[in-house]
Amino acid sequence: MKQFEKGIQKDPTNEVYRYNYGVLLLGANNFEEAANQFQKAIDLKENYASAYYNLGVTFLKWGAKLQEKAIAEDSGDMTYKEKFAAAVAPLERYLQDNQKDAQIWSFLGKVYANLGQTDKSKEAFEKADLYR
């Protein structure tokens, strides 16, 4: 992680450094900073499909972690829905270039279901099944 951090300091406009640093941060469950790095990579390279993918996955994992915590604590905290909602746009953008990615359709199906968007959820799961 330190190497990519140094690389970004030397060249803050290098989208590959930012993307790779984001992947490492995501692996460490540092969701907020991972999301920041993926977004900066996208800002630098508008059609960076892998960055859209990982930005969406970051919000999805972040939301799932918050949801697990809310359930375990029986807190009624629904802030996880904000993270799930934030996952939609980057995942949909990724699918523009990778329409047959069954895994992402499945992810979107779960996200839509958690957001109460039943029709969209059903459609996403059907596409996931189609492309498997």
N, C-alpha and C. Protein backbone atom coordinates (compact mmCIF):
# COMPACT_ATOMS: atom_id res chain seq x y z
N MET A 1 0.82 -1.20 0.00
CA MET A 1 0.00 0.00 0.00
C MET A 1 0.86 1.26 0.00
N LYS A 2 1.93 1.22 0.76
CA LYS A 2 2.80 2.39 0.86
C LYS A 2 3.37 2.78 -0.50
N GLN A 3 3.71 1.77 -1.31
CA GLN A 3 4.29 2.05 -2.63
C GLN A 3 3.29 2.80 -3.52
N PHE A 4 2.04 2.37 -3.50
CA PHE A 4 1.05 3.06 -4.32
C PHE A 4 0.75 4.44 -3.78
N GLU A 5 0.77 4.56 -2.47
CA GLU A 5 0.58 5.88 -1.85
C GLU A 5 1.69 6.83 -2.31
N LYS A 6 2.92 6.34 -2.31
CA LYS A 6 4.05 7.15 -2.77
C LYS A 6 3.91 7.47 -4.26
N GLY A 7 3.49 6.48 -5.02
CA GLY A 7 3.29 6.70 -6.45
C GLY A 7 2.26 7.77 -6.72
N ILE A 8 1.18 7.77 -5.95
CA ILE A 8 0.14 8.79 -6.11
C ILE A 8 0.66 10.17 -5.73
N GLN A 9 1.48 10.22 -4.70
CA GLN A 9 2.07 11.50 -4.30
C GLN A 9 2.96 12.06 -5.41
N LYS A 10 3.71 11.17 -6.07
CA LYS A 10 4.58 11.59 -7.16
C LYS A 10 3.78 11.97 -8.41
N ASP A 11 2.74 11.19 -8.69
CA ASP A 11 1.96 11.39 -9.91
C ASP A 11 0.46 11.23 -9.59
N PRO A 12 -0.15 12.29 -9.05
CA PRO A 12 -1.57 12.19 -8.66
C PRO A 12 -2.53 12.03 -9.83
N THR A 13 -2.04 12.18 -11.05
CA THR A 13 -2.92 12.03 -12.21
C THR A 13 -2.79 10.65 -12.85
N ASN A 14 -2.15 9.72 -12.17
CA ASN A 14 -2.00 8.37 -12.69
C ASN A 14 -3.18 7.51 -12.21
N GLU A 15 -4.09 7.26 -13.12
CA GLU A 15 -5.31 6.52 -12.76
C GLU A 15 -5.01 5.07 -12.38
N VAL A 16 -3.97 4.49 -12.94
CA VAL A 16 -3.62 3.10 -12.62
C VAL A 16 -3.14 2.99 -11.18
N TYR A 17 -2.32 3.92 -10.73
CA TYR A 17 -1.89 3.93 -9.33
C TYR A 17 -3.09 4.05 -8.41
N ARG A 18 -3.98 4.98 -8.75
CA ARG A 18 -5.16 5.19 -7.91
C ARG A 18 -6.05 3.94 -7.88
N TYR A 19 -6.22 3.33 -9.03
CA TYR A 19 -7.04 2.12 -9.11
C TYR A 19 -6.42 1.00 -8.26
N ASN A 20 -5.13 0.75 -8.46
CA ASN A 20 -4.47 -0.33 -7.72
C ASN A 20 -4.46 -0.06 -6.21
N TYR A 21 -4.27 1.17 -5.84
CA TYR A 21 -4.33 1.54 -4.42
C TYR A 21 -5.74 1.29 -3.89
N GLY A 22 -6.75 1.63 -4.68
CA GLY A 22 -8.14 1.37 -4.30
C GLY A 22 -8.40 -0.12 -4.09
N VAL A 23 -7.85 -0.96 -4.95
CA VAL A 23 -8.01 -2.41 -4.81
C VAL A 23 -7.43 -2.89 -3.48
N LEU A 24 -6.26 -2.38 -3.14
CA LEU A 24 -5.63 -2.76 -1.86
C LEU A 24 -6.47 -2.28 -0.67
N LEU A 25 -6.96 -1.06 -0.78
CA LEU A 25 -7.80 -0.51 0.30
C LEU A 25 -9.09 -1.30 0.45
N LEU A 26 -9.68 -1.69 -0.67
CA LEU A 26 -10.89 -2.50 -0.63
C LEU A 26 -10.61 -3.83 0.06
N GLY A 27 -9.48 -4.44 -0.28
CA GLY A 27 -9.09 -5.70 0.36
C GLY A 27 -8.91 -5.57 1.86
N ALA A 28 -8.56 -4.36 2.30
CA ALA A 28 -8.36 -4.10 3.73
C ALA A 28 -9.65 -3.59 4.38
N ASN A 29 -10.77 -3.61 3.64
CA ASN A 29 -12.07 -3.12 4.12
C ASN A 29 -12.05 -1.65 4.51
N ASN A 30 -11.17 -0.88 3.89
CA ASN A 30 -11.16 0.57 4.07
C ASN A 30 -12.03 1.14 2.95
N PHE A 31 -13.34 0.99 3.13
CA PHE A 31 -14.29 1.28 2.07
C PHE A 31 -14.30 2.75 1.64
N GLU A 32 -14.27 3.63 2.59
CA GLU A 32 -14.36 5.05 2.25
C GLU A 32 -13.19 5.50 1.38
N GLU A 33 -11.98 5.14 1.78
CA GLU A 33 -10.81 5.55 1.00
C GLU A 33 -10.73 4.80 -0.32
N ALA A 34 -11.15 3.52 -0.33
CA ALA A 34 -11.18 2.77 -1.59
C ALA A 34 -12.12 3.46 -2.58
N ALA A 35 -13.30 3.83 -2.11
CA ALA A 35 -14.27 4.51 -2.98
C ALA A 35 -13.68 5.82 -3.52
N ASN A 36 -12.98 6.54 -2.66
CA ASN A 36 -12.35 7.80 -3.09
C ASN A 36 -11.33 7.55 -4.20
N GLN A 37 -10.51 6.52 -4.04
CA GLN A 37 -9.49 6.23 -5.05
C GLN A 37 -10.10 5.77 -6.37
N PHE A 38 -11.12 4.92 -6.31
CA PHE A 38 -11.78 4.49 -7.55
C PHE A 38 -12.44 5.66 -8.25
N GLN A 39 -13.07 6.55 -7.48
CA GLN A 39 -13.71 7.72 -8.09
C GLN A 39 -12.68 8.64 -8.73
N LYS A 40 -11.54 8.81 -8.08
CA LYS A 40 -10.49 9.65 -8.67
C LYS A 40 -9.94 9.02 -9.94
N ALA A 41 -9.83 7.69 -9.96
CA ALA A 41 -9.38 7.00 -11.18
C ALA A 41 -10.38 7.24 -12.31
N ILE A 42 -11.66 7.18 -11.99
CA ILE A 42 -12.71 7.43 -12.99
C ILE A 42 -12.67 8.88 -13.45
N ASP A 43 -12.44 9.80 -12.51
CA ASP A 43 -12.35 11.21 -12.89
C ASP A 43 -11.20 11.44 -13.87
N LEU A 44 -10.14 10.66 -13.72
CA LEU A 44 -8.97 10.79 -14.60
C LEU A 44 -9.16 10.06 -15.93
N LYS A 45 -9.90 8.97 -15.91
CA LYS A 45 -10.14 8.18 -17.12
C LYS A 45 -11.61 7.78 -17.12
N GLU A 46 -12.39 8.53 -17.86
CA GLU A 46 -13.85 8.42 -17.81
C GLU A 46 -14.38 7.00 -18.10
N ASN A 47 -13.76 6.28 -18.98
CA ASN A 47 -14.27 4.96 -19.38
C ASN A 47 -13.51 3.82 -18.72
N TYR A 48 -13.14 3.98 -17.48
CA TYR A 48 -12.32 3.00 -16.76
C TYR A 48 -13.24 1.94 -16.16
N ALA A 49 -13.58 0.94 -16.97
CA ALA A 49 -14.58 -0.06 -16.59
C ALA A 49 -14.23 -0.77 -15.28
N SER A 50 -12.99 -1.14 -15.10
CA SER A 50 -12.59 -1.84 -13.87
C SER A 50 -12.79 -0.97 -12.64
N ALA A 51 -12.57 0.32 -12.79
CA ALA A 51 -12.78 1.23 -11.66
C ALA A 51 -14.27 1.35 -11.33
N TYR A 52 -15.11 1.39 -12.36
CA TYR A 52 -16.56 1.40 -12.10
C TYR A 52 -16.98 0.12 -11.38
N TYR A 53 -16.47 -1.00 -11.87
CA TYR A 53 -16.78 -2.29 -11.25
C TYR A 53 -16.42 -2.26 -9.76
N ASN A 54 -15.19 -1.89 -9.47
CA ASN A 54 -14.73 -1.92 -8.09
C ASN A 54 -15.36 -0.84 -7.22
N LEU A 55 -15.72 0.28 -7.81
CA LEU A 55 -16.44 1.30 -7.05
C LEU A 55 -17.80 0.74 -6.62
N GLY A 56 -18.49 0.10 -7.55
CA GLY A 56 -19.77 -0.51 -7.22
C GLY A 56 -19.63 -1.61 -6.17
N VAL A 57 -18.63 -2.46 -6.32
CA VAL A 57 -18.39 -3.54 -5.36
C VAL A 57 -18.03 -2.96 -3.99
N THR A 58 -17.29 -1.87 -3.98
CA THR A 58 -16.94 -1.23 -2.71
C THR A 58 -18.19 -0.82 -1.95
N PHE A 59 -19.09 -0.13 -2.64
CA PHE A 59 -20.33 0.29 -1.98
C PHE A 59 -21.19 -0.91 -1.58
N LEU A 60 -21.18 -1.93 -2.41
CA LEU A 60 -21.94 -3.15 -2.10
C LEU A 60 -21.41 -3.81 -0.83
N LYS A 61 -20.10 -4.00 -0.76
CA LYS A 61 -19.49 -4.62 0.43
C LYS A 61 -19.66 -3.73 1.66
N TRP A 62 -19.53 -2.44 1.49
CA TRP A 62 -19.69 -1.49 2.58
C TRP A 62 -21.11 -1.59 3.13
N GLY A 63 -22.08 -1.59 2.22
CA GLY A 63 -23.48 -1.71 2.62
C GLY A 63 -23.76 -3.03 3.33
N ALA A 64 -23.19 -4.11 2.81
CA ALA A 64 -23.40 -5.43 3.43
C ALA A 64 -22.82 -5.45 4.84
N LYS A 65 -21.66 -4.83 5.02
CA LYS A 65 -21.03 -4.78 6.35
C LYS A 65 -21.91 -3.98 7.33
N LEU A 66 -22.43 -2.85 6.87
CA LEU A 66 -23.31 -2.04 7.72
C LEU A 66 -24.62 -2.77 8.02
N GLN A 67 -25.12 -3.51 7.03
CA GLN A 67 -26.35 -4.27 7.23
C GLN A 67 -26.14 -5.38 8.26
N GLU A 68 -25.03 -6.10 8.15
CA GLU A 68 -24.70 -7.15 9.13
C GLU A 68 -24.64 -6.57 10.54
N LYS A 69 -24.00 -5.43 10.66
CA LYS A 69 -23.86 -4.78 11.97
C LYS A 69 -25.23 -4.38 12.52
N ALA A 70 -26.07 -3.81 11.67
CA ALA A 70 -27.40 -3.38 12.11
C ALA A 70 -28.23 -4.57 12.57
N ILE A 71 -28.11 -5.68 11.85
CA ILE A 71 -28.86 -6.89 12.23
C ILE A 71 -28.31 -7.46 13.54
N ALA A 72 -26.99 -7.55 13.64
CA ALA A 72 -26.37 -8.11 14.85
C ALA A 72 -26.70 -7.29 16.09
N GLU A 73 -26.75 -5.98 15.92
CA GLU A 73 -27.04 -5.10 17.05
C GLU A 73 -28.52 -4.82 17.22
N ASP A 74 -29.33 -5.32 16.27
CA ASP A 74 -30.77 -5.07 16.26
C ASP A 74 -31.05 -3.59 16.45
N SER A 75 -30.29 -2.78 15.70
CA SER A 75 -30.35 -1.33 15.88
C SER A 75 -31.41 -0.64 15.02
N GLY A 76 -31.85 -1.31 13.97
CA GLY A 76 -32.79 -0.67 13.07
C GLY A 76 -32.13 0.37 12.17
N ASP A 77 -30.81 0.46 12.24
CA ASP A 77 -30.05 1.43 11.43
C ASP A 77 -30.16 1.03 9.95
N MET A 78 -30.65 1.92 9.14
CA MET A 78 -30.87 1.63 7.73
C MET A 78 -29.87 2.36 6.83
N THR A 79 -28.79 2.88 7.38
CA THR A 79 -27.83 3.63 6.56
C THR A 79 -27.17 2.75 5.50
N TYR A 80 -27.22 1.44 5.69
CA TYR A 80 -26.65 0.55 4.68
C TYR A 80 -27.32 0.75 3.33
N LYS A 81 -28.58 1.17 3.34
CA LYS A 81 -29.29 1.37 2.08
C LYS A 81 -28.65 2.49 1.25
N GLU A 82 -28.07 3.48 1.93
CA GLU A 82 -27.38 4.56 1.21
C GLU A 82 -26.20 4.00 0.42
N LYS A 83 -25.49 3.06 1.01
CA LYS A 83 -24.34 2.46 0.33
C LYS A 83 -24.81 1.58 -0.83
N PHE A 84 -25.88 0.81 -0.60
CA PHE A 84 -26.42 0.01 -1.69
C PHE A 84 -26.88 0.91 -2.84
N ALA A 85 -27.53 2.00 -2.51
CA ALA A 85 -27.98 2.94 -3.54
C ALA A 85 -26.79 3.52 -4.31
N ALA A 86 -25.70 3.79 -3.59
CA ALA A 86 -24.50 4.34 -4.24
C ALA A 86 -23.84 3.32 -5.17
N ALA A 87 -24.10 2.03 -4.96
CA ALA A 87 -23.51 0.99 -5.80
C ALA A 87 -24.18 0.91 -7.17
N VAL A 88 -25.42 1.37 -7.26
CA VAL A 88 -26.19 1.19 -8.49
C VAL A 88 -25.54 1.86 -9.70
N ALA A 89 -25.25 3.14 -9.63
CA ALA A 89 -24.73 3.87 -10.81
C ALA A 89 -23.42 3.28 -11.34
N PRO A 90 -22.43 3.03 -10.49
CA PRO A 90 -21.20 2.46 -11.07
C PRO A 90 -21.38 1.04 -11.63
N LEU A 91 -22.23 0.23 -11.00
CA LEU A 91 -22.45 -1.11 -11.53
C LEU A 91 -23.20 -1.04 -12.87
N GLU A 92 -24.19 -0.17 -12.95
CA GLU A 92 -24.91 0.00 -14.21
C GLU A 92 -23.98 0.54 -15.30
N ARG A 93 -23.09 1.46 -14.91
CA ARG A 93 -22.12 2.00 -15.88
C ARG A 93 -21.18 0.91 -16.37
N TYR A 94 -20.73 0.07 -15.45
CA TYR A 94 -19.86 -1.06 -15.83
C TYR A 94 -20.57 -1.96 -16.84
N LEU A 95 -21.85 -2.21 -16.63
CA LEU A 95 -22.60 -3.10 -17.51
C LEU A 95 -22.79 -2.53 -18.91
N GLN A 96 -22.65 -1.23 -19.08
CA GLN A 96 -22.73 -0.66 -20.42
C GLN A 96 -21.67 -1.27 -21.34
N ASP A 97 -20.51 -1.57 -20.77
CA ASP A 97 -19.41 -2.13 -21.55
C ASP A 97 -19.27 -3.64 -21.39
N ASN A 98 -19.96 -4.20 -20.41
CA ASN A 98 -19.82 -5.63 -20.07
C ASN A 98 -21.19 -6.23 -19.81
N GLN A 99 -22.05 -6.13 -20.79
CA GLN A 99 -23.45 -6.48 -20.64
C GLN A 99 -23.71 -7.92 -20.23
N LYS A 100 -22.78 -8.82 -20.53
CA LYS A 100 -23.02 -10.23 -20.27
C LYS A 100 -22.35 -10.71 -18.98
N ASP A 101 -22.03 -9.81 -18.09
CA ASP A 101 -21.38 -10.18 -16.82
C ASP A 101 -22.45 -10.62 -15.82
N ALA A 102 -22.65 -11.92 -15.74
CA ALA A 102 -23.71 -12.49 -14.89
C ALA A 102 -23.53 -12.11 -13.42
N GLN A 103 -22.29 -12.07 -12.97
CA GLN A 103 -22.04 -11.76 -11.56
C GLN A 103 -22.53 -10.36 -11.21
N ILE A 104 -22.28 -9.41 -12.08
CA ILE A 104 -22.71 -8.03 -11.79
C ILE A 104 -24.23 -7.92 -11.87
N TRP A 105 -24.85 -8.63 -12.79
CA TRP A 105 -26.32 -8.65 -12.82
C TRP A 105 -26.87 -9.21 -11.52
N SER A 106 -26.21 -10.24 -11.01
CA SER A 106 -26.64 -10.82 -9.74
C SER A 106 -26.45 -9.83 -8.58
N PHE A 107 -25.30 -9.14 -8.58
CA PHE A 107 -25.07 -8.11 -7.56
C PHE A 107 -26.17 -7.06 -7.61
N LEU A 108 -26.47 -6.60 -8.83
CA LEU A 108 -27.52 -5.58 -8.97
C LEU A 108 -28.87 -6.11 -8.51
N GLY A 109 -29.15 -7.38 -8.78
CA GLY A 109 -30.40 -7.97 -8.31
C GLY A 109 -30.51 -7.88 -6.80
N LYS A 110 -29.43 -8.17 -6.11
CA LYS A 110 -29.41 -8.09 -4.64
C LYS A 110 -29.56 -6.65 -4.16
N VAL A 111 -28.87 -5.75 -4.83
CA VAL A 111 -28.96 -4.33 -4.45
C VAL A 111 -30.38 -3.83 -4.63
N TYR A 112 -30.95 -4.08 -5.80
CA TYR A 112 -32.32 -3.63 -6.06
C TYR A 112 -33.29 -4.23 -5.03
N ALA A 113 -33.10 -5.49 -4.69
CA ALA A 113 -33.97 -6.14 -3.71
C ALA A 113 -33.88 -5.44 -2.36
N ASN A 114 -32.67 -5.10 -1.95
CA ASN A 114 -32.48 -4.40 -0.67
C ASN A 114 -33.04 -2.98 -0.69
N LEU A 115 -33.16 -2.43 -1.88
CA LEU A 115 -33.72 -1.09 -2.01
C LEU A 115 -35.23 -1.11 -2.26
N GLY A 116 -35.80 -2.32 -2.27
CA GLY A 116 -37.24 -2.45 -2.47
C GLY A 116 -37.69 -2.28 -3.91
N GLN A 117 -36.76 -2.39 -4.85
CA GLN A 117 -37.08 -2.25 -6.27
C GLN A 117 -37.27 -3.64 -6.88
N THR A 118 -38.43 -4.21 -6.60
CA THR A 118 -38.71 -5.61 -6.93
C THR A 118 -38.63 -5.89 -8.43
N ASP A 119 -39.21 -5.04 -9.25
CA ASP A 119 -39.20 -5.29 -10.69
C ASP A 119 -37.79 -5.27 -11.25
N LYS A 120 -37.00 -4.28 -10.84
CA LYS A 120 -35.62 -4.20 -11.30
C LYS A 120 -34.81 -5.39 -10.80
N SER A 121 -35.08 -5.81 -9.56
CA SER A 121 -34.38 -6.96 -8.99
C SER A 121 -34.66 -8.21 -9.81
N LYS A 122 -35.92 -8.45 -10.11
CA LYS A 122 -36.31 -9.62 -10.88
C LYS A 122 -35.65 -9.60 -12.26
N GLU A 123 -35.67 -8.45 -12.90
CA GLU A 123 -35.06 -8.32 -14.23
C GLU A 123 -33.56 -8.58 -14.18
N ALA A 124 -32.89 -8.06 -13.16
CA ALA A 124 -31.44 -8.26 -13.02
C ALA A 124 -31.12 -9.73 -12.80
N PHE A 125 -31.88 -10.40 -11.95
CA PHE A 125 -31.64 -11.82 -11.70
C PHE A 125 -31.92 -12.66 -12.96
N GLU A 126 -32.91 -12.26 -13.74
CA GLU A 126 -33.19 -12.97 -14.98
C GLU A 126 -32.02 -12.83 -15.96
N LYS A 127 -31.44 -11.63 -16.01
CA LYS A 127 -30.28 -11.41 -16.89
C LYS A 127 -29.07 -12.20 -16.38
N ALA A 128 -28.92 -12.26 -15.08
CA ALA A 128 -27.82 -13.05 -14.50
C ALA A 128 -27.96 -14.51 -14.91
N ASP A 129 -29.17 -15.05 -14.82
CA ASP A 129 -29.42 -16.43 -15.23
C ASP A 129 -29.17 -16.63 -16.73
N LEU A 130 -29.58 -15.66 -17.51
CA LEU A 130 -29.41 -15.73 -18.97
C LEU A 130 -27.93 -15.81 -19.34
N TYR A 131 -27.09 -15.04 -18.67
CA TYR A 131 -25.68 -14.96 -19.06
C TYR A 131 -24.79 -15.98 -18.34
N ARG A 132 -25.36 -16.78 -17.47
CA ARG A 132 -24.56 -17.83 -16.81
C ARG A 132 -24.30 -18.97 -17.75
